[in-house]
Amino acid sequence: EASIDIYNIKGQKVKAFSFDPRSSLEQVIVWDGKDQNGNNCTSGLYILNLRIAGKHVANRKVTLVK
């Protein structure tokens, strides 16, 4: 099991995606700029956190521009 969690600059979880890394060689996840409730997120800096098998693998900063 793998997951990508998206956090706003305040550290609040905005959205979570889960997937099975063994199901294919390449997987694409598209974030539409909405939170878990379907509300539009504001423009700004967000942190993506990748976890695989419960272990932290990587963080990336992204900027959402609308």
N, C-alpha and C. Protein backbone atom coordinates (compact mmCIF):
# COMPACT_ATOMS: atom_id res chain seq x y z
N GLU A 1 0.84 -1.19 0.00
CA GLU A 1 0.00 0.00 0.00
C GLU A 1 0.88 1.24 0.00
N ALA A 2 0.50 2.18 -0.83
CA ALA A 2 1.22 3.45 -0.90
C ALA A 2 0.19 4.58 -0.84
N SER A 3 0.64 5.74 -0.38
CA SER A 3 -0.27 6.87 -0.31
C SER A 3 0.47 8.17 -0.56
N ILE A 4 -0.26 9.12 -1.10
CA ILE A 4 0.22 10.48 -1.25
C ILE A 4 -0.77 11.35 -0.51
N ASP A 5 -0.28 12.07 0.49
CA ASP A 5 -1.11 12.99 1.25
C ASP A 5 -0.69 14.41 0.90
N ILE A 6 -1.68 15.28 0.75
CA ILE A 6 -1.42 16.67 0.41
C ILE A 6 -1.79 17.52 1.61
N TYR A 7 -0.85 18.37 2.04
CA TYR A 7 -1.04 19.24 3.20
C TYR A 7 -0.92 20.69 2.77
N ASN A 8 -1.72 21.56 3.42
CA ASN A 8 -1.54 22.99 3.17
C ASN A 8 -0.38 23.51 4.01
N ILE A 9 -0.08 24.77 3.86
CA ILE A 9 1.09 25.35 4.54
C ILE A 9 0.92 25.36 6.07
N LYS A 10 -0.33 25.24 6.54
CA LYS A 10 -0.60 25.18 7.98
C LYS A 10 -0.40 23.78 8.54
N GLY A 11 -0.15 22.80 7.66
CA GLY A 11 0.04 21.43 8.10
C GLY A 11 -1.23 20.62 8.16
N GLN A 12 -2.34 21.16 7.65
CA GLN A 12 -3.61 20.45 7.65
C GLN A 12 -3.70 19.58 6.41
N LYS A 13 -4.14 18.32 6.59
CA LYS A 13 -4.29 17.42 5.45
C LYS A 13 -5.47 17.89 4.60
N VAL A 14 -5.19 18.06 3.32
CA VAL A 14 -6.20 18.56 2.38
C VAL A 14 -6.81 17.41 1.59
N LYS A 15 -5.98 16.47 1.14
CA LYS A 15 -6.44 15.38 0.29
C LYS A 15 -5.51 14.19 0.47
N ALA A 16 -6.04 13.00 0.26
CA ALA A 16 -5.24 11.78 0.35
C ALA A 16 -5.56 10.88 -0.84
N PHE A 17 -4.53 10.29 -1.39
CA PHE A 17 -4.67 9.33 -2.48
C PHE A 17 -3.99 8.04 -2.05
N SER A 18 -4.62 6.89 -2.30
CA SER A 18 -4.02 5.60 -2.01
C SER A 18 -3.94 4.79 -3.29
N PHE A 19 -2.90 3.97 -3.39
CA PHE A 19 -2.75 3.12 -4.56
C PHE A 19 -1.84 1.96 -4.21
N ASP A 20 -1.85 0.94 -5.07
CA ASP A 20 -1.01 -0.24 -4.89
C ASP A 20 0.19 -0.11 -5.82
N PRO A 21 1.39 0.08 -5.29
CA PRO A 21 2.56 0.29 -6.16
C PRO A 21 2.95 -0.95 -6.96
N ARG A 22 2.39 -2.11 -6.62
CA ARG A 22 2.71 -3.34 -7.35
C ARG A 22 1.79 -3.57 -8.55
N SER A 23 0.73 -2.75 -8.69
CA SER A 23 -0.26 -3.02 -9.72
C SER A 23 0.19 -2.67 -11.13
N SER A 24 1.18 -1.80 -11.28
CA SER A 24 1.72 -1.50 -12.61
C SER A 24 3.07 -0.82 -12.44
N LEU A 25 3.78 -0.68 -13.54
CA LEU A 25 5.09 -0.03 -13.48
C LEU A 25 4.98 1.47 -13.27
N GLU A 26 3.95 2.07 -13.82
CA GLU A 26 3.79 3.52 -13.71
C GLU A 26 2.34 3.85 -13.40
N GLN A 27 2.16 4.76 -12.46
CA GLN A 27 0.81 5.21 -12.12
C GLN A 27 0.81 6.73 -12.09
N VAL A 28 -0.29 7.31 -12.48
CA VAL A 28 -0.42 8.76 -12.52
C VAL A 28 -1.58 9.15 -11.60
N ILE A 29 -1.32 10.12 -10.76
CA ILE A 29 -2.35 10.68 -9.90
C ILE A 29 -2.49 12.15 -10.26
N VAL A 30 -3.71 12.58 -10.49
CA VAL A 30 -3.97 13.98 -10.83
C VAL A 30 -4.79 14.60 -9.71
N TRP A 31 -4.27 15.68 -9.17
CA TRP A 31 -5.00 16.42 -8.14
C TRP A 31 -5.70 17.58 -8.82
N ASP A 32 -6.99 17.66 -8.66
CA ASP A 32 -7.79 18.70 -9.32
C ASP A 32 -7.87 20.00 -8.54
N GLY A 33 -7.10 20.13 -7.46
CA GLY A 33 -7.10 21.35 -6.66
C GLY A 33 -8.25 21.42 -5.68
N LYS A 34 -8.87 20.27 -5.42
CA LYS A 34 -9.99 20.23 -4.47
C LYS A 34 -9.60 19.40 -3.25
N ASP A 35 -10.26 19.72 -2.12
CA ASP A 35 -9.99 18.97 -0.90
C ASP A 35 -10.85 17.72 -0.85
N GLN A 36 -10.77 17.00 0.26
CA GLN A 36 -11.51 15.74 0.43
C GLN A 36 -13.03 15.93 0.31
N ASN A 37 -13.51 17.14 0.60
CA ASN A 37 -14.95 17.41 0.57
C ASN A 37 -15.42 17.97 -0.78
N GLY A 38 -14.50 18.11 -1.73
CA GLY A 38 -14.85 18.64 -3.04
C GLY A 38 -14.79 20.14 -3.14
N ASN A 39 -14.33 20.81 -2.09
CA ASN A 39 -14.20 22.27 -2.11
C ASN A 39 -12.90 22.68 -2.80
N ASN A 40 -12.93 23.79 -3.53
CA ASN A 40 -11.72 24.29 -4.18
C ASN A 40 -10.72 24.78 -3.14
N CYS A 41 -9.46 24.42 -3.31
CA CYS A 41 -8.40 24.90 -2.44
C CYS A 41 -7.92 26.25 -2.97
N THR A 42 -7.39 27.06 -2.10
CA THR A 42 -6.88 28.36 -2.51
C THR A 42 -5.51 28.20 -3.17
N SER A 43 -5.14 29.17 -3.98
CA SER A 43 -3.80 29.19 -4.56
C SER A 43 -2.78 29.29 -3.45
N GLY A 44 -1.64 28.65 -3.62
CA GLY A 44 -0.61 28.72 -2.61
C GLY A 44 0.28 27.49 -2.61
N LEU A 45 1.09 27.39 -1.57
CA LEU A 45 2.07 26.31 -1.44
C LEU A 45 1.44 25.12 -0.71
N TYR A 46 1.70 23.91 -1.24
CA TYR A 46 1.22 22.67 -0.65
C TYR A 46 2.37 21.67 -0.58
N ILE A 47 2.31 20.76 0.37
CA ILE A 47 3.34 19.74 0.56
C ILE A 47 2.74 18.38 0.22
N LEU A 48 3.42 17.64 -0.65
CA LEU A 48 3.02 16.27 -0.98
C LEU A 48 3.91 15.33 -0.21
N ASN A 49 3.32 14.36 0.47
CA ASN A 49 4.05 13.40 1.30
C ASN A 49 3.77 12.00 0.76
N LEU A 50 4.82 11.33 0.27
CA LEU A 50 4.70 9.97 -0.26
C LEU A 50 5.12 8.97 0.80
N ARG A 51 4.24 7.98 1.05
CA ARG A 51 4.53 6.90 2.00
C ARG A 51 4.30 5.58 1.28
N ILE A 52 5.22 4.65 1.47
CA ILE A 52 5.08 3.31 0.92
C ILE A 52 5.29 2.33 2.06
N ALA A 53 4.35 1.42 2.21
CA ALA A 53 4.37 0.42 3.29
C ALA A 53 4.55 1.08 4.65
N GLY A 54 3.90 2.24 4.84
CA GLY A 54 3.95 2.94 6.11
C GLY A 54 5.20 3.74 6.37
N LYS A 55 6.16 3.70 5.44
CA LYS A 55 7.41 4.45 5.62
C LYS A 55 7.41 5.70 4.76
N HIS A 56 7.88 6.79 5.36
CA HIS A 56 8.01 8.04 4.63
C HIS A 56 9.09 7.88 3.55
N VAL A 57 8.76 8.24 2.32
CA VAL A 57 9.70 8.09 1.21
C VAL A 57 10.17 9.45 0.70
N ALA A 58 9.23 10.41 0.52
CA ALA A 58 9.63 11.70 -0.04
C ALA A 58 8.58 12.77 0.26
N ASN A 59 9.05 14.00 0.30
CA ASN A 59 8.20 15.19 0.38
C ASN A 59 8.51 16.06 -0.82
N ARG A 60 7.51 16.71 -1.36
CA ARG A 60 7.72 17.66 -2.44
C ARG A 60 6.82 18.87 -2.19
N LYS A 61 7.34 20.05 -2.50
CA LYS A 61 6.55 21.27 -2.43
C LYS A 61 5.98 21.53 -3.81
N VAL A 62 4.70 21.90 -3.85
CA VAL A 62 4.06 22.27 -5.11
C VAL A 62 3.30 23.57 -4.89
N THR A 63 3.15 24.31 -5.96
CA THR A 63 2.39 25.55 -5.90
C THR A 63 1.13 25.38 -6.73
N LEU A 64 -0.01 25.61 -6.11
CA LEU A 64 -1.29 25.58 -6.80
C LEU A 64 -1.59 26.99 -7.27
N VAL A 65 -1.74 27.16 -8.58
CA VAL A 65 -2.02 28.46 -9.16
C VAL A 65 -3.36 28.36 -9.89
N LYS A 66 -4.26 29.26 -9.58
CA LYS A 66 -5.58 29.25 -10.24
C LYS A 66 -5.74 30.49 -11.08
